[in-house]
Amino acid sequence: MVHPIYDTEMLKKATEAYSQEDWGAMLEINLSMLEKRPDDEFLLWHIADNYVKLGDVSKAVEFAGKIKDSVVHRDDIMLKASQITKPVVENE
């Protein structure tokens, strides 16, 4: 089954980039998908995660901030965000 935001070709590219831990490519893919679905919380979250993995905490916070008030389980999302950004912030 193809995830609803990806067509088959895009899913193949995303899977390959993810398996190679190519976060720059994943970011490009997710940003291109965001143009088609600008309010998609799934994409916003993954873009924030891509930025964290690339070490750009301020961009990660910017994208996480776009979803924090609209997510049903926003407390869970914000807790996870704080956990994944903490090692990056501590190392700066």
PDB file of N, CA and C in Angstrom:
ATOM      1  N   MET A   1       0.837  -1.185   0.000  1.00  0.00           N
ATOM      2  CA  MET A   1       0.000   0.000   0.000  1.00  0.00           C
ATOM      3  C   MET A   1       0.886   1.254   0.000  1.00  0.00           C
ATOM      4  N   VAL A   2       0.538   2.210  -0.799  1.00  0.00           N
ATOM      5  CA  VAL A   2       1.272   3.468  -0.883  1.00  0.00           C
ATOM      6  C   VAL A   2       0.683   4.441   0.128  1.00  0.00           C
ATOM      7  N   HIS A   3       1.572   5.130   0.862  1.00  0.00           N
ATOM      8  CA  HIS A   3       1.097   6.125   1.815  1.00  0.00           C
ATOM      9  C   HIS A   3       0.324   7.186   1.043  1.00  0.00           C
ATOM     10  N   PRO A   4      -0.740   7.715   1.620  1.00  0.00           N
ATOM     11  CA  PRO A   4      -1.602   8.654   0.891  1.00  0.00           C
ATOM     12  C   PRO A   4      -0.914   9.921   0.377  1.00  0.00           C
ATOM     13  N   ILE A   5       0.212  10.315   0.943  1.00  0.00           N
ATOM     14  CA  ILE A   5       0.868  11.525   0.440  1.00  0.00           C
ATOM     15  C   ILE A   5       1.827  11.242  -0.702  1.00  0.00           C
ATOM     16  N   TYR A   6       2.242   9.997  -0.850  1.00  0.00           N
ATOM     17  CA  TYR A   6       3.219   9.646  -1.873  1.00  0.00           C
ATOM     18  C   TYR A   6       2.584   8.848  -2.999  1.00  0.00           C
ATOM     19  N   ASP A   7       2.988   9.140  -4.233  1.00  0.00           N
ATOM     20  CA  ASP A   7       2.645   8.226  -5.308  1.00  0.00           C
ATOM     21  C   ASP A   7       3.723   7.139  -5.299  1.00  0.00           C
ATOM     22  N   THR A   8       3.582   6.140  -6.129  1.00  0.00           N
ATOM     23  CA  THR A   8       4.491   5.003  -6.101  1.00  0.00           C
ATOM     24  C   THR A   8       5.934   5.420  -6.365  1.00  0.00           C
ATOM     25  N   GLU A   9       6.154   6.293  -7.334  1.00  0.00           N
ATOM     26  CA  GLU A   9       7.513   6.729  -7.661  1.00  0.00           C
ATOM     27  C   GLU A   9       8.145   7.510  -6.511  1.00  0.00           C
ATOM     28  N   MET A  10       7.369   8.420  -5.922  1.00  0.00           N
ATOM     29  CA  MET A  10       7.889   9.233  -4.817  1.00  0.00           C
ATOM     30  C   MET A  10       8.172   8.363  -3.591  1.00  0.00           C
ATOM     31  N   LEU A  11       7.334   7.369  -3.360  1.00  0.00           N
ATOM     32  CA  LEU A  11       7.563   6.463  -2.237  1.00  0.00           C
ATOM     33  C   LEU A  11       8.869   5.699  -2.428  1.00  0.00           C
ATOM     34  N   LYS A  12       9.142   5.284  -3.665  1.00  0.00           N
ATOM     35  CA  LYS A  12      10.391   4.572  -3.949  1.00  0.00           C
ATOM     36  C   LYS A  12      11.587   5.471  -3.642  1.00  0.00           C
ATOM     37  N   LYS A  13      11.536   6.722  -4.087  1.00  0.00           N
ATOM     38  CA  LYS A  13      12.618   7.668  -3.824  1.00  0.00           C
ATOM     39  C   LYS A  13      12.780   7.921  -2.328  1.00  0.00           C
ATOM     40  N   ALA A  14      11.660   8.105  -1.643  1.00  0.00           N
ATOM     41  CA  ALA A  14      11.700   8.369  -0.201  1.00  0.00           C
ATOM     42  C   ALA A  14      12.256   7.170   0.562  1.00  0.00           C
ATOM     43  N   THR A  15      11.852   5.976   0.175  1.00  0.00           N
ATOM     44  CA  THR A  15      12.333   4.762   0.831  1.00  0.00           C
ATOM     45  C   THR A  15      13.839   4.610   0.640  1.00  0.00           C
ATOM     46  N   GLU A  16      14.310   4.876  -0.570  1.00  0.00           N
ATOM     47  CA  GLU A  16      15.734   4.782  -0.858  1.00  0.00           C
ATOM     48  C   GLU A  16      16.524   5.822  -0.051  1.00  0.00           C
ATOM     49  N   ALA A  17      16.051   7.060  -0.044  1.00  0.00           N
ATOM     50  CA  ALA A  17      16.736   8.118   0.701  1.00  0.00           C
ATOM     51  C   ALA A  17      16.760   7.799   2.193  1.00  0.00           C
ATOM     52  N   TYR A  18      15.643   7.313   2.717  1.00  0.00           N
ATOM     53  CA  TYR A  18      15.560   6.986   4.141  1.00  0.00           C
ATOM     54  C   TYR A  18      16.518   5.852   4.489  1.00  0.00           C
ATOM     55  N   SER A  19      16.541   4.814   3.648  1.00  0.00           N
ATOM     56  CA  SER A  19      17.400   3.664   3.951  1.00  0.00           C
ATOM     57  C   SER A  19      18.875   4.041   3.891  1.00  0.00           C
ATOM     58  N   GLN A  20      19.214   5.069   3.107  1.00  0.00           N
ATOM     59  CA  GLN A  20      20.600   5.544   3.020  1.00  0.00           C
ATOM     60  C   GLN A  20      20.887   6.672   4.017  1.00  0.00           C
ATOM     61  N   GLU A  21      19.885   6.987   4.822  1.00  0.00           N
ATOM     62  CA  GLU A  21      19.974   8.074   5.792  1.00  0.00           C
ATOM     63  C   GLU A  21      20.405   9.371   5.112  1.00  0.00           C
ATOM     64  N   ASP A  22      19.846   9.601   3.930  1.00  0.00           N
ATOM     65  CA  ASP A  22      20.117  10.820   3.161  1.00  0.00           C
ATOM     66  C   ASP A  22      19.034  11.835   3.521  1.00  0.00           C
ATOM     67  N   TRP A  23      19.261  12.511   4.643  1.00  0.00           N
ATOM     68  CA  TRP A  23      18.235  13.402   5.184  1.00  0.00           C
ATOM     69  C   TRP A  23      18.019  14.623   4.299  1.00  0.00           C
ATOM     70  N   GLY A  24      19.028  15.037   3.563  1.00  0.00           N
ATOM     71  CA  GLY A  24      18.861  16.141   2.619  1.00  0.00           C
ATOM     72  C   GLY A  24      17.893  15.769   1.508  1.00  0.00           C
ATOM     73  N   ALA A  25      18.043  14.564   0.983  1.00  0.00           N
ATOM     74  CA  ALA A  25      17.119  14.094  -0.059  1.00  0.00           C
ATOM     75  C   ALA A  25      15.714  13.919   0.510  1.00  0.00           C
ATOM     76  N   MET A  26      15.630  13.387   1.727  1.00  0.00           N
ATOM     77  CA  MET A  26      14.309  13.231   2.358  1.00  0.00           C
ATOM     78  C   MET A  26      13.654  14.593   2.544  1.00  0.00           C
ATOM     79  N   LEU A  27      14.438  15.571   2.950  1.00  0.00           N
ATOM     80  CA  LEU A  27      13.900  16.915   3.139  1.00  0.00           C
ATOM     81  C   LEU A  27      13.372  17.469   1.819  1.00  0.00           C
ATOM     82  N   GLU A  28      14.133  17.315   0.750  1.00  0.00           N
ATOM     83  CA  GLU A  28      13.688  17.789  -0.563  1.00  0.00           C
ATOM     84  C   GLU A  28      12.384  17.122  -0.981  1.00  0.00           C
ATOM     85  N   ILE A  29      12.302  15.814  -0.784  1.00  0.00           N
ATOM     86  CA  ILE A  29      11.088  15.067  -1.136  1.00  0.00           C
ATOM     87  C   ILE A  29       9.907  15.581  -0.319  1.00  0.00           C
ATOM     88  N   ASN A  30      10.107  15.691   0.988  1.00  0.00           N
ATOM     89  CA  ASN A  30       9.000  16.123   1.856  1.00  0.00           C
ATOM     90  C   ASN A  30       8.586  17.563   1.593  1.00  0.00           C
ATOM     91  N   LEU A  31       9.554  18.441   1.316  1.00  0.00           N
ATOM     92  CA  LEU A  31       9.197  19.822   0.993  1.00  0.00           C
ATOM     93  C   LEU A  31       8.428  19.895  -0.326  1.00  0.00           C
ATOM     94  N   SER A  32       8.800  19.057  -1.294  1.00  0.00           N
ATOM     95  CA  SER A  32       8.059  19.056  -2.565  1.00  0.00           C
ATOM     96  C   SER A  32       6.637  18.545  -2.360  1.00  0.00           C
ATOM     97  N   MET A  33       6.476  17.577  -1.475  1.00  0.00           N
ATOM     98  CA  MET A  33       5.139  17.058  -1.191  1.00  0.00           C
ATOM     99  C   MET A  33       4.317  18.086  -0.417  1.00  0.00           C
ATOM    100  N   LEU A  34       4.979  18.891   0.402  1.00  0.00           N
ATOM    101  CA  LEU A  34       4.278  19.906   1.187  1.00  0.00           C
ATOM    102  C   LEU A  34       3.643  20.967   0.289  1.00  0.00           C
ATOM    103  N   GLU A  35       4.243  21.203  -0.872  1.00  0.00           N
ATOM    104  CA  GLU A  35       3.646  22.146  -1.821  1.00  0.00           C
ATOM    105  C   GLU A  35       2.258  21.683  -2.255  1.00  0.00           C
ATOM    106  N   LYS A  36       2.070  20.371  -2.339  1.00  0.00           N
ATOM    107  CA  LYS A  36       0.784  19.798  -2.745  1.00  0.00           C
ATOM    108  C   LYS A  36      -0.183  19.681  -1.571  1.00  0.00           C
ATOM    109  N   ARG A  37       0.371  19.544  -0.354  1.00  0.00           N
ATOM    110  CA  ARG A  37      -0.448  19.330   0.841  1.00  0.00           C
ATOM    111  C   ARG A  37       0.082  20.204   1.980  1.00  0.00           C
ATOM    112  N   PRO A  38      -0.111  21.515   1.891  1.00  0.00           N
ATOM    113  CA  PRO A  38       0.527  22.436   2.836  1.00  0.00           C
ATOM    114  C   PRO A  38       0.086  22.313   4.298  1.00  0.00           C
ATOM    115  N   ASP A  39      -1.033  21.684   4.558  1.00  0.00           N
ATOM    116  CA  ASP A  39      -1.501  21.553   5.939  1.00  0.00           C
ATOM    117  C   ASP A  39      -1.344  20.138   6.487  1.00  0.00           C
ATOM    118  N   ASP A  40      -0.596  19.312   5.799  1.00  0.00           N
ATOM    119  CA  ASP A  40      -0.455  17.915   6.201  1.00  0.00           C
ATOM    120  C   ASP A  40       0.469  17.801   7.417  1.00  0.00           C
ATOM    121  N   GLU A  41      -0.101  17.449   8.555  1.00  0.00           N
ATOM    122  CA  GLU A  41       0.663  17.362   9.800  1.00  0.00           C
ATOM    123  C   GLU A  41       1.742  16.290   9.728  1.00  0.00           C
ATOM    124  N   PHE A  42       1.469  15.195   9.017  1.00  0.00           N
ATOM    125  CA  PHE A  42       2.447  14.126   8.829  1.00  0.00           C
ATOM    126  C   PHE A  42       3.703  14.699   8.166  1.00  0.00           C
ATOM    127  N   LEU A  43       3.510  15.441   7.086  1.00  0.00           N
ATOM    128  CA  LEU A  43       4.640  16.034   6.375  1.00  0.00           C
ATOM    129  C   LEU A  43       5.363  17.065   7.220  1.00  0.00           C
ATOM    130  N   LEU A  44       4.620  17.919   7.889  1.00  0.00           N
ATOM    131  CA  LEU A  44       5.242  18.937   8.725  1.00  0.00           C
ATOM    132  C   LEU A  44       6.119  18.298   9.796  1.00  0.00           C
ATOM    133  N   TRP A  45       5.610  17.232  10.392  1.00  0.00           N
ATOM    134  CA  TRP A  45       6.379  16.537  11.427  1.00  0.00           C
ATOM    135  C   TRP A  45       7.651  15.937  10.840  1.00  0.00           C
ATOM    136  N   HIS A  46       7.535  15.285   9.683  1.00  0.00           N
ATOM    137  CA  HIS A  46       8.709  14.654   9.087  1.00  0.00           C
ATOM    138  C   HIS A  46       9.713  15.682   8.578  1.00  0.00           C
ATOM    139  N   ILE A  47       9.242  16.818   8.126  1.00  0.00           N
ATOM    140  CA  ILE A  47      10.160  17.896   7.724  1.00  0.00           C
ATOM    141  C   ILE A  47      10.919  18.396   8.953  1.00  0.00           C
ATOM    142  N   ALA A  48      10.211  18.581  10.048  1.00  0.00           N
ATOM    143  CA  ALA A  48      10.884  18.986  11.294  1.00  0.00           C
ATOM    144  C   ALA A  48      11.928  17.951  11.691  1.00  0.00           C
ATOM    145  N   ASP A  49      11.583  16.686  11.584  1.00  0.00           N
ATOM    146  CA  ASP A  49      12.515  15.607  11.917  1.00  0.00           C
ATOM    147  C   ASP A  49      13.714  15.618  10.969  1.00  0.00           C
ATOM    148  N   ASN A  50      13.482  15.851   9.681  1.00  0.00           N
ATOM    149  CA  ASN A  50      14.595  15.944   8.725  1.00  0.00           C
ATOM    150  C   ASN A  50      15.553  17.059   9.120  1.00  0.00           C
ATOM    151  N   TYR A  51      14.999  18.210   9.498  1.00  0.00           N
ATOM    152  CA  TYR A  51      15.856  19.326   9.909  1.00  0.00           C
ATOM    153  C   TYR A  51      16.657  18.981  11.162  1.00  0.00           C
ATOM    154  N   VAL A  52      16.058  18.276  12.102  1.00  0.00           N
ATOM    155  CA  VAL A  52      16.787  17.852  13.302  1.00  0.00           C
ATOM    156  C   VAL A  52      17.954  16.964  12.894  1.00  0.00           C
ATOM    157  N   LYS A  53      17.686  16.008  12.021  1.00  0.00           N
ATOM    158  CA  LYS A  53      18.744  15.084  11.601  1.00  0.00           C
ATOM    159  C   LYS A  53      19.848  15.793  10.831  1.00  0.00           C
ATOM    160  N   LEU A  54      19.515  16.922  10.210  1.00  0.00           N
ATOM    161  CA  LEU A  54      20.515  17.718   9.498  1.00  0.00           C
ATOM    162  C   LEU A  54      21.192  18.739  10.411  1.00  0.00           C
ATOM    163  N   GLY A  55      20.728  18.802  11.675  1.00  0.00           N
ATOM    164  CA  GLY A  55      21.342  19.695  12.653  1.00  0.00           C
ATOM    165  C   GLY A  55      20.824  21.123  12.641  1.00  0.00           C
ATOM    166  N   ASP A  56      19.707  21.359  11.953  1.00  0.00           N
ATOM    167  CA  ASP A  56      19.139  22.707  11.894  1.00  0.00           C
ATOM    168  C   ASP A  56      17.935  22.778  12.834  1.00  0.00           C
ATOM    169  N   VAL A  57      18.240  22.972  14.106  1.00  0.00           N
ATOM    170  CA  VAL A  57      17.208  22.946  15.140  1.00  0.00           C
ATOM    171  C   VAL A  57      16.209  24.085  14.963  1.00  0.00           C
ATOM    172  N   SER A  58      16.673  25.261  14.564  1.00  0.00           N
ATOM    173  CA  SER A  58      15.750  26.387  14.437  1.00  0.00           C
ATOM    174  C   SER A  58      14.702  26.126  13.353  1.00  0.00           C
ATOM    175  N   LYS A  59      15.101  25.510  12.235  1.00  0.00           N
ATOM    176  CA  LYS A  59      14.120  25.165  11.189  1.00  0.00           C
ATOM    177  C   LYS A  59      13.204  24.045  11.688  1.00  0.00           C
ATOM    178  N   ALA A  60      13.740  23.120  12.454  1.00  0.00           N
ATOM    179  CA  ALA A  60      12.920  22.043  13.014  1.00  0.00           C
ATOM    180  C   ALA A  60      11.843  22.627  13.922  1.00  0.00           C
ATOM    181  N   VAL A  61      12.224  23.556  14.760  1.00  0.00           N
ATOM    182  CA  VAL A  61      11.268  24.197  15.669  1.00  0.00           C
ATOM    183  C   VAL A  61      10.232  24.979  14.870  1.00  0.00           C
ATOM    184  N   GLU A  62      10.668  25.641  13.811  1.00  0.00           N
ATOM    185  CA  GLU A  62       9.740  26.393  12.967  1.00  0.00           C
ATOM    186  C   GLU A  62       8.649  25.477  12.396  1.00  0.00           C
ATOM    187  N   PHE A  63       9.047  24.326  11.856  1.00  0.00           N
ATOM    188  CA  PHE A  63       8.053  23.426  11.277  1.00  0.00           C
ATOM    189  C   PHE A  63       7.232  22.714  12.342  1.00  0.00           C
ATOM    190  N   ALA A  64       7.839  22.364  13.455  1.00  0.00           N
ATOM    191  CA  ALA A  64       7.080  21.753  14.550  1.00  0.00           C
ATOM    192  C   ALA A  64       6.050  22.745  15.078  1.00  0.00           C
ATOM    193  N   GLY A  65       6.416  24.018  15.103  1.00  0.00           N
ATOM    194  CA  GLY A  65       5.495  25.054  15.569  1.00  0.00           C
ATOM    195  C   GLY A  65       4.265  25.191  14.703  1.00  0.00           C
ATOM    196  N   LYS A  66       4.385  24.828  13.436  1.00  0.00           N
ATOM    197  CA  LYS A  66       3.237  24.918  12.532  1.00  0.00           C
ATOM    198  C   LYS A  66       2.168  23.888  12.856  1.00  0.00           C
ATOM    199  N   ILE A  67       2.566  22.826  13.555  1.00  0.00           N
ATOM    200  CA  ILE A  67       1.583  21.783  13.856  1.00  0.00           C
ATOM    201  C   ILE A  67       1.214  21.687  15.330  1.00  0.00           C
ATOM    202  N   LYS A  68       1.982  22.309  16.199  1.00  0.00           N
ATOM    203  CA  LYS A  68       1.778  22.060  17.630  1.00  0.00           C
ATOM    204  C   LYS A  68       0.388  22.399  18.141  1.00  0.00           C
ATOM    205  N   ASP A  69      -0.270  23.380  17.562  1.00  0.00           N
ATOM    206  CA  ASP A  69      -1.590  23.751  18.048  1.00  0.00           C
ATOM    207  C   ASP A  69      -2.724  22.986  17.385  1.00  0.00           C
ATOM    208  N   SER A  70      -2.428  22.295  16.280  1.00  0.00           N
ATOM    209  CA  SER A  70      -3.506  21.627  15.558  1.00  0.00           C
ATOM    210  C   SER A  70      -3.507  20.116  15.720  1.00  0.00           C
ATOM    211  N   VAL A  71      -2.461  19.569  16.269  1.00  0.00           N
ATOM    212  CA  VAL A  71      -2.370  18.121  16.401  1.00  0.00           C
ATOM    213  C   VAL A  71      -3.235  17.644  17.565  1.00  0.00           C
ATOM    214  N   VAL A  72      -3.974  16.585  17.324  1.00  0.00           N
ATOM    215  CA  VAL A  72      -4.839  16.019  18.359  1.00  0.00           C
ATOM    216  C   VAL A  72      -4.024  15.612  19.584  1.00  0.00           C
ATOM    217  N   HIS A  73      -2.880  15.022  19.341  1.00  0.00           N
ATOM    218  CA  HIS A  73      -2.026  14.574  20.441  1.00  0.00           C
ATOM    219  C   HIS A  73      -0.795  15.478  20.546  1.00  0.00           C
ATOM    220  N   ARG A  74      -1.025  16.783  20.572  1.00  0.00           N
ATOM    221  CA  ARG A  74       0.089  17.725  20.520  1.00  0.00           C
ATOM    222  C   ARG A  74       1.061  17.555  21.681  1.00  0.00           C
ATOM    223  N   ASP A  75       0.570  17.128  22.844  1.00  0.00           N
ATOM    224  CA  ASP A  75       1.486  16.924  23.962  1.00  0.00           C
ATOM    225  C   ASP A  75       2.477  15.813  23.642  1.00  0.00           C
ATOM    226  N   ASP A  76       1.994  14.743  23.007  1.00  0.00           N
ATOM    227  CA  ASP A  76       2.878  13.644  22.603  1.00  0.00           C
ATOM    228  C   ASP A  76       3.899  14.126  21.579  1.00  0.00           C
ATOM    229  N   ILE A  77       3.439  14.910  20.617  1.00  0.00           N
ATOM    230  CA  ILE A  77       4.322  15.424  19.569  1.00  0.00           C
ATOM    231  C   ILE A  77       5.392  16.325  20.179  1.00  0.00           C
ATOM    232  N   MET A  78       5.002  17.214  21.054  1.00  0.00           N
ATOM    233  CA  MET A  78       5.962  18.153  21.633  1.00  0.00           C
ATOM    234  C   MET A  78       6.946  17.427  22.553  1.00  0.00           C
ATOM    235  N   LEU A  79       6.487  16.398  23.265  1.00  0.00           N
ATOM    236  CA  LEU A  79       7.389  15.613  24.099  1.00  0.00           C
ATOM    237  C   LEU A  79       8.421  14.920  23.224  1.00  0.00           C
ATOM    238  N   LYS A  80       7.966  14.302  22.142  1.00  0.00           N
ATOM    239  CA  LYS A  80       8.902  13.629  21.237  1.00  0.00           C
ATOM    240  C   LYS A  80       9.869  14.639  20.628  1.00  0.00           C
ATOM    241  N   ALA A  81       9.374  15.802  20.248  1.00  0.00           N
ATOM    242  CA  ALA A  81      10.239  16.836  19.669  1.00  0.00           C
ATOM    243  C   ALA A  81      11.318  17.245  20.668  1.00  0.00           C
ATOM    244  N   SER A  82      10.933  17.403  21.923  1.00  0.00           N
ATOM    245  CA  SER A  82      11.922  17.811  22.923  1.00  0.00           C
ATOM    246  C   SER A  82      12.962  16.714  23.137  1.00  0.00           C
ATOM    247  N   GLN A  83      12.541  15.467  23.029  1.00  0.00           N
ATOM    248  CA  GLN A  83      13.476  14.356  23.217  1.00  0.00           C
ATOM    249  C   GLN A  83      14.457  14.233  22.062  1.00  0.00           C
ATOM    250  N   ILE A  84      13.978  14.442  20.826  1.00  0.00           N
ATOM    251  CA  ILE A  84      14.888  14.266  19.700  1.00  0.00           C
ATOM    252  C   ILE A  84      15.767  15.487  19.472  1.00  0.00           C
ATOM    253  N   THR A  85      15.356  16.653  19.927  1.00  0.00           N
ATOM    254  CA  THR A  85      16.181  17.839  19.733  1.00  0.00           C
ATOM    255  C   THR A  85      17.148  18.060  20.890  1.00  0.00           C
ATOM    256  N   LYS A  86      16.875  17.481  22.026  1.00  0.00           N
ATOM    257  CA  LYS A  86      17.726  17.703  23.197  1.00  0.00           C
ATOM    258  C   LYS A  86      19.193  17.363  22.944  1.00  0.00           C
ATOM    259  N   PRO A  87      19.523  16.199  22.372  1.00  0.00           N
ATOM    260  CA  PRO A  87      20.959  15.917  22.139  1.00  0.00           C
ATOM    261  C   PRO A  87      21.596  16.909  21.174  1.00  0.00           C
ATOM    262  N   VAL A  88      20.847  17.379  20.179  1.00  0.00           N
ATOM    263  CA  VAL A  88      21.397  18.324  19.214  1.00  0.00           C
ATOM    264  C   VAL A  88      21.667  19.665  19.884  1.00  0.00           C
ATOM    265  N   VAL A  89      20.700  20.130  20.671  1.00  0.00           N
ATOM    266  CA  VAL A  89      20.843  21.415  21.354  1.00  0.00           C
ATOM    267  C   VAL A  89      21.993  21.364  22.364  1.00  0.00           C
ATOM    268  N   GLU A  90      22.106  20.264  23.083  1.00  0.00           N
ATOM    269  CA  GLU A  90      23.154  20.139  24.096  1.00  0.00           C
ATOM    270  C   GLU A  90      24.539  20.143  23.468  1.00  0.00           C
ATOM    271  N   ASN A  91      24.639  19.692  22.222  1.00  0.00           N
ATOM    272  CA  ASN A  91      25.937  19.609  21.552  1.00  0.00           C
ATOM    273  C   ASN A  91      26.341  20.897  20.850  1.00  0.00           C
ATOM    274  N   GLU A  92      25.468  21.878  20.792  1.00  0.00           N
ATOM    275  CA  GLU A  92      25.792  23.143  20.110  1.00  0.00           C
ATOM    276  C   GLU A  92      26.623  24.040  20.975  1.00  0.00           C
TER     277      GLU A  92
END
